[in-house]
Amino acid sequence: MEQIFNFDNELSGKIALVTGGTKGTGRAIAERLLQAGATVIITARNAPEKENNKLHFIPSDLSKAAGTQKVISEVLSTYGRLDILVNNLGSSVTPAGGFNMLTDEDWESTLQANLLAPVRLDRGFLPQMIAQKSGVIIHIASIQGKLPLYDSTLPYAAAKAGLRNYSKSLSNEVTPKGVRVLTVSPGWINTTASTAWLGEIARNSNSTIAEAQQNVMDALGGIPYGRPAQPEEVAELVGFLVSPRANYLTGTEFVIDGGTVPTI
């Protein structure tokens, strides 16, 4: 039977959660889903930079098990279900300088935020999604999962590589039960966080911001498109993937990097 999609308000009636949704790419994704008609919940440790009373904000530290449980409990008690989960939270605050600069605490905190937080949230919401035989989970990974910058973000790259593998495995398990699972791996995104990251690299290497940016570009092998992505460009891809238009897409990784990764 032919399906007919209504692109206007196509997420009407859907309940969506975007982690790390108060700024940057997460904020852009949340607003994109809101524009498509979804009821959108956002969560992060700190309140939104710009308030939007149409977004339900839950303050929480998802790097802690108690933080993820708080979000799961509040979403399910308030709305009764979740239809779309966008695991966007990601951070790298470890020092540059290679493996010898990294402590156990650096590794632990990075793995908690970038890998174990999505695992715990998936585990909390999947039983309900499976029961309703529908749902979409998006894992925001990174091209560093296969193109690591060892000098500055080694734990982050390792965590995102693990997230990519986990996402594919999870899809194989739950897609037959009605839940689609997808990975989106952006390259460099122009956010305030990336600007702060450049500043950290510059300080640790006694260089300027411009030199640090060029060093990152060189380490990536260049960006053929000529610039980093804008958060809204990543959000547009996510908006499509969670929509009915992408019903047959699952277990796949979508790279949005301006051509950065030099292999297919």
C-alpha atoms as a PDB file:
ATOM      1  CA  MET A   1       0.000   0.000   0.000  1.00  0.00           C
ATOM      2  CA  GLU A   2       1.359   3.417  -0.927  1.00  0.00           C
ATOM      3  CA  GLN A   3       2.080   5.700   2.019  1.00  0.00           C
ATOM      4  CA  ILE A   4       1.244   9.388   1.790  1.00  0.00           C
ATOM      5  CA  PHE A   5       3.196  11.680   4.079  1.00  0.00           C
ATOM      6  CA  ASN A   6       2.146  15.074   5.368  1.00  0.00           C
ATOM      7  CA  PHE A   7       5.352  17.104   5.631  1.00  0.00           C
ATOM      8  CA  ASP A   8       3.536  19.878   7.541  1.00  0.00           C
ATOM      9  CA  ASN A   9       3.389  19.170  11.260  1.00  0.00           C
ATOM     10  CA  GLU A  10       4.645  15.644  10.542  1.00  0.00           C
ATOM     11  CA  LEU A  11       5.677  14.998  14.162  1.00  0.00           C
ATOM     12  CA  SER A  12       2.395  16.157  15.666  1.00  0.00           C
ATOM     13  CA  GLY A  13       1.477  14.024  18.666  1.00  0.00           C
ATOM     14  CA  LYS A  14       5.027  12.721  19.140  1.00  0.00           C
ATOM     15  CA  ILE A  15       6.945  13.098  22.397  1.00  0.00           C
ATOM     16  CA  ALA A  16      10.685  13.748  21.898  1.00  0.00           C
ATOM     17  CA  LEU A  17      13.652  14.059  24.239  1.00  0.00           C
ATOM     18  CA  VAL A  18      16.894  15.769  23.197  1.00  0.00           C
ATOM     19  CA  THR A  19      19.846  15.460  25.561  1.00  0.00           C
ATOM     20  CA  GLY A  20      22.318  18.318  25.704  1.00  0.00           C
ATOM     21  CA  GLY A  21      19.438  20.303  24.266  1.00  0.00           C
ATOM     22  CA  THR A  22      20.049  23.721  25.806  1.00  0.00           C
ATOM     23  CA  LYS A  23      22.658  25.019  23.368  1.00  0.00           C
ATOM     24  CA  GLY A  24      24.553  24.348  20.164  1.00  0.00           C
ATOM     25  CA  THR A  25      23.538  21.400  18.037  1.00  0.00           C
ATOM     26  CA  GLY A  26      21.187  20.018  20.684  1.00  0.00           C
ATOM     27  CA  ARG A  27      19.275  23.272  20.827  1.00  0.00           C
ATOM     28  CA  ALA A  28      19.004  23.361  17.024  1.00  0.00           C
ATOM     29  CA  ILE A  29      17.693  19.776  16.971  1.00  0.00           C
ATOM     30  CA  ALA A  30      15.129  20.519  19.687  1.00  0.00           C
ATOM     31  CA  GLU A  31      13.824  23.560  17.825  1.00  0.00           C
ATOM     32  CA  ARG A  32      13.682  21.614  14.542  1.00  0.00           C
ATOM     33  CA  LEU A  33      11.535  18.885  16.145  1.00  0.00           C
ATOM     34  CA  LEU A  34       9.366  21.529  17.799  1.00  0.00           C
ATOM     35  CA  GLN A  35       8.763  23.162  14.414  1.00  0.00           C
ATOM     36  CA  ALA A  36       7.652  19.781  13.065  1.00  0.00           C
ATOM     37  CA  GLY A  37       4.936  19.587  15.719  1.00  0.00           C
ATOM     38  CA  ALA A  38       6.511  17.392  18.396  1.00  0.00           C
ATOM     39  CA  THR A  39       6.290  17.969  22.128  1.00  0.00           C
ATOM     40  CA  VAL A  40       9.976  18.411  22.996  1.00  0.00           C
ATOM     41  CA  ILE A  41      11.804  17.837  26.270  1.00  0.00           C
ATOM     42  CA  ILE A  42      15.391  18.979  26.680  1.00  0.00           C
ATOM     43  CA  THR A  43      17.869  18.112  29.384  1.00  0.00           C
ATOM     44  CA  ALA A  44      21.302  19.354  30.429  1.00  0.00           C
ATOM     45  CA  ARG A  45      23.146  20.301  33.598  1.00  0.00           C
ATOM     46  CA  ASN A  46      22.578  24.031  33.066  1.00  0.00           C
ATOM     47  CA  ALA A  47      19.502  26.000  32.086  1.00  0.00           C
ATOM     48  CA  PRO A  48      19.039  27.051  28.434  1.00  0.00           C
ATOM     49  CA  GLU A  49      21.048  30.024  27.211  1.00  0.00           C
ATOM     50  CA  LYS A  50      17.855  31.375  25.629  1.00  0.00           C
ATOM     51  CA  GLU A  51      14.557  30.477  27.273  1.00  0.00           C
ATOM     52  CA  ASN A  52      11.795  28.903  25.185  1.00  0.00           C
ATOM     53  CA  ASN A  53       8.705  28.052  27.200  1.00  0.00           C
ATOM     54  CA  LYS A  54       7.610  25.595  24.512  1.00  0.00           C
ATOM     55  CA  LEU A  55      10.529  23.343  25.463  1.00  0.00           C
ATOM     56  CA  HIS A  56      10.183  21.325  28.682  1.00  0.00           C
ATOM     57  CA  PHE A  57      13.542  21.592  30.458  1.00  0.00           C
ATOM     58  CA  ILE A  58      14.738  18.968  32.941  1.00  0.00           C
ATOM     59  CA  PRO A  59      17.989  19.893  34.720  1.00  0.00           C
ATOM     60  CA  SER A  60      20.152  16.816  35.150  1.00  0.00           C
ATOM     61  CA  ASP A  61      23.716  15.533  35.005  1.00  0.00           C
ATOM     62  CA  LEU A  62      23.471  12.561  32.647  1.00  0.00           C
ATOM     63  CA  SER A  63      27.031  11.484  33.342  1.00  0.00           C
ATOM     64  CA  LYS A  64      25.653  10.104  36.613  1.00  0.00           C
ATOM     65  CA  ALA A  65      23.292   7.125  36.826  1.00  0.00           C
ATOM     66  CA  ALA A  66      21.004   9.073  39.166  1.00  0.00           C
ATOM     67  CA  GLY A  67      20.770  11.855  36.593  1.00  0.00           C
ATOM     68  CA  THR A  68      19.595   9.566  33.814  1.00  0.00           C
ATOM     69  CA  GLN A  69      17.061   7.914  36.112  1.00  0.00           C
ATOM     70  CA  LYS A  70      15.690  11.330  37.075  1.00  0.00           C
ATOM     71  CA  VAL A  71      15.054  12.173  33.413  1.00  0.00           C
ATOM     72  CA  ILE A  72      13.514   8.783  32.617  1.00  0.00           C
ATOM     73  CA  SER A  73      11.168   8.989  35.607  1.00  0.00           C
ATOM     74  CA  GLU A  74      10.061  12.569  34.933  1.00  0.00           C
ATOM     75  CA  VAL A  75       9.407  11.992  31.231  1.00  0.00           C
ATOM     76  CA  LEU A  76       7.381   8.820  31.767  1.00  0.00           C
ATOM     77  CA  SER A  77       5.439  10.197  34.753  1.00  0.00           C
ATOM     78  CA  THR A  78       4.608  13.429  32.908  1.00  0.00           C
ATOM     79  CA  TYR A  79       3.907  12.151  29.395  1.00  0.00           C
ATOM     80  CA  GLY A  80       3.417   8.410  29.809  1.00  0.00           C
ATOM     81  CA  ARG A  81       5.684   7.517  26.914  1.00  0.00           C
ATOM     82  CA  LEU A  82       8.536   8.631  24.656  1.00  0.00           C
ATOM     83  CA  ASP A  83       8.481   8.347  20.855  1.00  0.00           C
ATOM     84  CA  ILE A  84      11.792   9.969  19.870  1.00  0.00           C
ATOM     85  CA  LEU A  85      15.069   9.914  21.795  1.00  0.00           C
ATOM     86  CA  VAL A  86      17.974  11.973  20.469  1.00  0.00           C
ATOM     87  CA  ASN A  87      21.115  11.144  22.440  1.00  0.00           C
ATOM     88  CA  ASN A  88      22.947  14.332  21.544  1.00  0.00           C
ATOM     89  CA  LEU A  89      24.939  14.865  24.744  1.00  0.00           C
ATOM     90  CA  GLY A  90      28.664  14.831  24.055  1.00  0.00           C
ATOM     91  CA  SER A  91      31.663  16.513  25.553  1.00  0.00           C
ATOM     92  CA  SER A  92      35.428  16.432  25.620  1.00  0.00           C
ATOM     93  CA  VAL A  93      37.153  18.377  28.372  1.00  0.00           C
ATOM     94  CA  THR A  94      40.308  16.285  28.667  1.00  0.00           C
ATOM     95  CA  PRO A  95      43.741  17.917  28.304  1.00  0.00           C
ATOM     96  CA  ALA A  96      45.677  17.831  25.063  1.00  0.00           C
ATOM     97  CA  GLY A  97      49.098  16.246  24.826  1.00  0.00           C
ATOM     98  CA  GLY A  98      48.430  12.584  24.066  1.00  0.00           C
ATOM     99  CA  PHE A  99      47.877   9.464  26.140  1.00  0.00           C
ATOM    100  CA  ASN A 100      50.360  10.298  28.892  1.00  0.00           C
ATOM    101  CA  MET A 101      48.443  13.429  29.897  1.00  0.00           C
ATOM    102  CA  LEU A 102      45.245  11.485  30.641  1.00  0.00           C
ATOM    103  CA  THR A 103      44.240  10.168  34.054  1.00  0.00           C
ATOM    104  CA  ASP A 104      41.726   7.469  34.942  1.00  0.00           C
ATOM    105  CA  GLU A 105      39.332  10.263  35.879  1.00  0.00           C
ATOM    106  CA  ASP A 106      39.654  11.800  32.399  1.00  0.00           C
ATOM    107  CA  TRP A 107      38.759   8.486  30.788  1.00  0.00           C
ATOM    108  CA  GLU A 108      35.947   7.739  33.224  1.00  0.00           C
ATOM    109  CA  SER A 109      34.194  11.103  32.903  1.00  0.00           C
ATOM    110  CA  THR A 110      34.399  11.050  29.101  1.00  0.00           C
ATOM    111  CA  LEU A 111      33.065   7.500  28.793  1.00  0.00           C
ATOM    112  CA  GLN A 112      30.237   8.274  31.221  1.00  0.00           C
ATOM    113  CA  ALA A 113      29.013  11.314  29.256  1.00  0.00           C
ATOM    114  CA  ASN A 114      29.541  10.069  25.713  1.00  0.00           C
ATOM    115  CA  LEU A 115      28.788   6.353  25.933  1.00  0.00           C
ATOM    116  CA  LEU A 116      27.183   5.241  29.175  1.00  0.00           C
ATOM    117  CA  ALA A 117      24.626   8.071  29.379  1.00  0.00           C
ATOM    118  CA  PRO A 118      23.035   7.019  26.039  1.00  0.00           C
ATOM    119  CA  VAL A 119      23.164   3.359  27.089  1.00  0.00           C
ATOM    120  CA  ARG A 120      21.308   4.094  30.326  1.00  0.00           C
ATOM    121  CA  LEU A 121      18.686   6.291  28.644  1.00  0.00           C
ATOM    122  CA  ASP A 122      18.060   3.699  25.935  1.00  0.00           C
ATOM    123  CA  ARG A 123      17.651   1.020  28.586  1.00  0.00           C
ATOM    124  CA  GLY A 124      15.156   3.204  30.444  1.00  0.00           C
ATOM    125  CA  PHE A 125      12.935   4.081  27.489  1.00  0.00           C
ATOM    126  CA  LEU A 126      13.178   1.008  25.260  1.00  0.00           C
ATOM    127  CA  PRO A 127      10.765  -1.243  27.203  1.00  0.00           C
ATOM    128  CA  GLN A 128       7.966   1.273  26.666  1.00  0.00           C
ATOM    129  CA  MET A 129       8.889   1.797  22.993  1.00  0.00           C
ATOM    130  CA  ILE A 130       8.919  -1.945  22.411  1.00  0.00           C
ATOM    131  CA  ALA A 131       5.555  -2.275  24.158  1.00  0.00           C
ATOM    132  CA  GLN A 132       4.022   0.301  21.805  1.00  0.00           C
ATOM    133  CA  LYS A 133       5.908  -1.242  18.846  1.00  0.00           C
ATOM    134  CA  SER A 134       7.228   2.118  17.690  1.00  0.00           C
ATOM    135  CA  GLY A 135       9.992   4.581  18.447  1.00  0.00           C
ATOM    136  CA  VAL A 136      13.138   6.171  17.070  1.00  0.00           C
ATOM    137  CA  ILE A 137      16.507   6.450  18.816  1.00  0.00           C
ATOM    138  CA  ILE A 138      19.228   8.669  17.369  1.00  0.00           C
ATOM    139  CA  HIS A 139      22.798   8.469  18.641  1.00  0.00           C
ATOM    140  CA  ILE A 140      24.863  11.549  17.831  1.00  0.00           C
ATOM    141  CA  ALA A 141      28.393  10.179  17.461  1.00  0.00           C
ATOM    142  CA  SER A 142      31.282  11.856  15.635  1.00  0.00           C
ATOM    143  CA  ILE A 143      33.618  11.301  12.726  1.00  0.00           C
ATOM    144  CA  GLN A 144      36.266  11.030  15.435  1.00  0.00           C
ATOM    145  CA  GLY A 145      34.865   7.556  16.005  1.00  0.00           C
ATOM    146  CA  LYS A 146      36.873   6.580  12.931  1.00  0.00           C
ATOM    147  CA  LEU A 147      39.137   9.596  12.460  1.00  0.00           C
ATOM    148  CA  PRO A 148      40.556  10.251  15.963  1.00  0.00           C
ATOM    149  CA  LEU A 149      42.575  13.286  16.945  1.00  0.00           C
ATOM    150  CA  TYR A 150      44.864  11.485  19.364  1.00  0.00           C
ATOM    151  CA  ASP A 151      46.678  14.617  20.532  1.00  0.00           C
ATOM    152  CA  SER A 152      43.588  16.313  21.948  1.00  0.00           C
ATOM    153  CA  THR A 153      40.497  14.117  22.205  1.00  0.00           C
ATOM    154  CA  LEU A 154      41.590  10.494  22.600  1.00  0.00           C
ATOM    155  CA  PRO A 155      38.953   9.429  25.197  1.00  0.00           C
ATOM    156  CA  TYR A 156      36.193  11.209  23.268  1.00  0.00           C
ATOM    157  CA  ALA A 157      37.146   9.451  20.029  1.00  0.00           C
ATOM    158  CA  ALA A 158      37.217   6.073  21.774  1.00  0.00           C
ATOM    159  CA  ALA A 159      33.815   6.698  23.377  1.00  0.00           C
ATOM    160  CA  LYS A 160      32.233   7.702  20.068  1.00  0.00           C
ATOM    161  CA  ALA A 161      33.692   4.633  18.349  1.00  0.00           C
ATOM    162  CA  GLY A 162      32.060   2.539  21.052  1.00  0.00           C
ATOM    163  CA  LEU A 163      28.766   4.396  20.584  1.00  0.00           C
ATOM    164  CA  ARG A 164      28.754   3.654  16.848  1.00  0.00           C
ATOM    165  CA  ASN A 165      29.288  -0.062  17.448  1.00  0.00           C
ATOM    166  CA  TYR A 166      26.711  -0.185  20.242  1.00  0.00           C
ATOM    167  CA  SER A 167      24.144   1.655  18.108  1.00  0.00           C
ATOM    168  CA  LYS A 168      24.434  -0.865  15.272  1.00  0.00           C
ATOM    169  CA  SER A 169      24.168  -3.802  17.654  1.00  0.00           C
ATOM    170  CA  LEU A 170      21.144  -2.302  19.418  1.00  0.00           C
ATOM    171  CA  SER A 171      19.414  -1.756  16.085  1.00  0.00           C
ATOM    172  CA  ASN A 172      19.813  -5.416  15.188  1.00  0.00           C
ATOM    173  CA  GLU A 173      18.060  -6.334  18.429  1.00  0.00           C
ATOM    174  CA  VAL A 174      15.169  -3.866  18.589  1.00  0.00           C
ATOM    175  CA  THR A 175      14.315  -3.054  14.955  1.00  0.00           C
ATOM    176  CA  PRO A 176      12.290  -6.299  14.624  1.00  0.00           C
ATOM    177  CA  LYS A 177      10.336  -5.065  17.662  1.00  0.00           C
ATOM    178  CA  GLY A 178       9.360  -1.786  15.988  1.00  0.00           C
ATOM    179  CA  VAL A 179      12.087   0.613  17.163  1.00  0.00           C
ATOM    180  CA  ARG A 180      14.433   2.261  14.661  1.00  0.00           C
ATOM    181  CA  VAL A 181      17.989   3.058  15.814  1.00  0.00           C
ATOM    182  CA  LEU A 182      20.293   5.335  13.818  1.00  0.00           C
ATOM    183  CA  THR A 183      23.662   7.022  14.206  1.00  0.00           C
ATOM    184  CA  VAL A 184      24.515  10.535  13.031  1.00  0.00           C
ATOM    185  CA  SER A 185      28.230  11.321  12.934  1.00  0.00           C
ATOM    186  CA  PRO A 186      28.968  15.006  12.392  1.00  0.00           C
ATOM    187  CA  GLY A 187      32.333  16.461  11.613  1.00  0.00           C
ATOM    188  CA  TRP A 188      33.360  19.822  12.955  1.00  0.00           C
ATOM    189  CA  ILE A 189      30.333  21.911  13.991  1.00  0.00           C
ATOM    190  CA  ASN A 190      30.576  25.649  14.542  1.00  0.00           C
ATOM    191  CA  THR A 191      29.358  26.022  18.140  1.00  0.00           C
ATOM    192  CA  THR A 192      30.411  27.959  21.214  1.00  0.00           C
ATOM    193  CA  ALA A 193      31.750  24.686  22.629  1.00  0.00           C
ATOM    194  CA  SER A 194      34.011  24.168  19.619  1.00  0.00           C
ATOM    195  CA  THR A 195      35.302  27.709  19.995  1.00  0.00           C
ATOM    196  CA  ALA A 196      36.130  27.014  23.649  1.00  0.00           C
ATOM    197  CA  TRP A 197      37.818  23.768  22.615  1.00  0.00           C
ATOM    198  CA  LEU A 198      40.039  25.685  20.190  1.00  0.00           C
ATOM    199  CA  GLY A 199      40.945  28.034  22.996  1.00  0.00           C
ATOM    200  CA  GLU A 200      41.996  25.107  25.165  1.00  0.00           C
ATOM    201  CA  ILE A 201      44.151  23.687  22.382  1.00  0.00           C
ATOM    202  CA  ALA A 202      45.730  27.087  21.831  1.00  0.00           C
ATOM    203  CA  ARG A 203      46.568  27.488  25.523  1.00  0.00           C
ATOM    204  CA  ASN A 204      48.040  24.005  25.822  1.00  0.00           C
ATOM    205  CA  SER A 205      50.164  24.434  22.695  1.00  0.00           C
ATOM    206  CA  ASN A 206      51.114  28.093  23.276  1.00  0.00           C
ATOM    207  CA  SER A 207      49.586  29.026  19.927  1.00  0.00           C
ATOM    208  CA  THR A 208      46.930  31.411  18.668  1.00  0.00           C
ATOM    209  CA  ILE A 209      43.291  30.487  18.032  1.00  0.00           C
ATOM    210  CA  ALA A 210      43.907  30.774  14.292  1.00  0.00           C
ATOM    211  CA  GLU A 211      46.903  28.448  14.540  1.00  0.00           C
ATOM    212  CA  ALA A 212      44.900  25.987  16.643  1.00  0.00           C
ATOM    213  CA  GLN A 213      42.092  26.026  14.082  1.00  0.00           C
ATOM    214  CA  GLN A 214      44.532  25.377  11.271  1.00  0.00           C
ATOM    215  CA  ASN A 215      46.101  22.544  13.259  1.00  0.00           C
ATOM    216  CA  VAL A 216      42.694  20.926  13.700  1.00  0.00           C
ATOM    217  CA  MET A 217      41.942  21.369  10.003  1.00  0.00           C
ATOM    218  CA  ASP A 218      45.279  19.777   9.149  1.00  0.00           C
ATOM    219  CA  ALA A 219      44.671  16.890  11.554  1.00  0.00           C
ATOM    220  CA  LEU A 220      41.300  16.265   9.906  1.00  0.00           C
ATOM    221  CA  GLY A 221      42.905  16.348   6.466  1.00  0.00           C
ATOM    222  CA  GLY A 222      40.939  19.456   5.545  1.00  0.00           C
ATOM    223  CA  ILE A 223      37.211  20.049   4.978  1.00  0.00           C
ATOM    224  CA  PRO A 224      36.441  19.975   1.228  1.00  0.00           C
ATOM    225  CA  TYR A 225      33.302  22.056   1.760  1.00  0.00           C
ATOM    226  CA  GLY A 226      35.550  24.754   3.203  1.00  0.00           C
ATOM    227  CA  ARG A 227      33.922  25.353   6.586  1.00  0.00           C
ATOM    228  CA  PRO A 228      32.514  23.624   9.657  1.00  0.00           C
ATOM    229  CA  ALA A 229      28.844  22.643   9.704  1.00  0.00           C
ATOM    230  CA  GLN A 230      26.203  24.872  11.229  1.00  0.00           C
ATOM    231  CA  PRO A 231      24.089  23.312  14.011  1.00  0.00           C
ATOM    232  CA  GLU A 232      20.941  23.825  11.949  1.00  0.00           C
ATOM    233  CA  GLU A 233      22.363  21.657   9.150  1.00  0.00           C
ATOM    234  CA  VAL A 234      22.814  18.723  11.506  1.00  0.00           C
ATOM    235  CA  ALA A 235      19.357  19.369  12.965  1.00  0.00           C
ATOM    236  CA  GLU A 236      17.783  19.165   9.521  1.00  0.00           C
ATOM    237  CA  LEU A 237      19.250  15.700   8.982  1.00  0.00           C
ATOM    238  CA  VAL A 238      17.979  14.535  12.374  1.00  0.00           C
ATOM    239  CA  GLY A 239      14.554  16.020  11.644  1.00  0.00           C
ATOM    240  CA  PHE A 240      14.327  13.896   8.517  1.00  0.00           C
ATOM    241  CA  LEU A 241      15.583  10.715  10.182  1.00  0.00           C
ATOM    242  CA  VAL A 242      13.007  10.770  12.988  1.00  0.00           C
ATOM    243  CA  SER A 243      10.161  11.528  10.595  1.00  0.00           C
ATOM    244  CA  PRO A 244       7.802   9.072   8.850  1.00  0.00           C
ATOM    245  CA  ARG A 245       9.687   9.808   5.634  1.00  0.00           C
ATOM    246  CA  ALA A 246      12.592   7.742   6.979  1.00  0.00           C
ATOM    247  CA  ASN A 247      10.537   4.747   8.088  1.00  0.00           C
ATOM    248  CA  TYR A 248      12.767   2.212   6.300  1.00  0.00           C
ATOM    249  CA  LEU A 249      16.027   3.593   7.674  1.00  0.00           C
ATOM    250  CA  THR A 250      17.529   1.802  10.649  1.00  0.00           C
ATOM    251  CA  GLY A 251      20.884   0.430  11.761  1.00  0.00           C
ATOM    252  CA  THR A 252      22.703   2.946   9.571  1.00  0.00           C
ATOM    253  CA  GLU A 253      25.264   5.664  10.227  1.00  0.00           C
ATOM    254  CA  PHE A 254      24.835   9.022   8.503  1.00  0.00           C
ATOM    255  CA  VAL A 255      27.990  11.124   8.231  1.00  0.00           C
ATOM    256  CA  ILE A 256      27.586  14.891   7.894  1.00  0.00           C
ATOM    257  CA  ASP A 257      31.084  16.338   7.671  1.00  0.00           C
ATOM    258  CA  GLY A 258      31.425  18.454   4.533  1.00  0.00           C
ATOM    259  CA  GLY A 259      33.478  15.671   2.967  1.00  0.00           C
ATOM    260  CA  THR A 260      36.091  15.532   5.746  1.00  0.00           C
ATOM    261  CA  VAL A 261      36.481  11.755   6.076  1.00  0.00           C
ATOM    262  CA  PRO A 262      38.691  10.775   3.112  1.00  0.00           C
ATOM    263  CA  THR A 263      37.335   7.232   2.713  1.00  0.00           C
ATOM    264  CA  ILE A 264      33.995   5.690   1.845  1.00  0.00           C
END
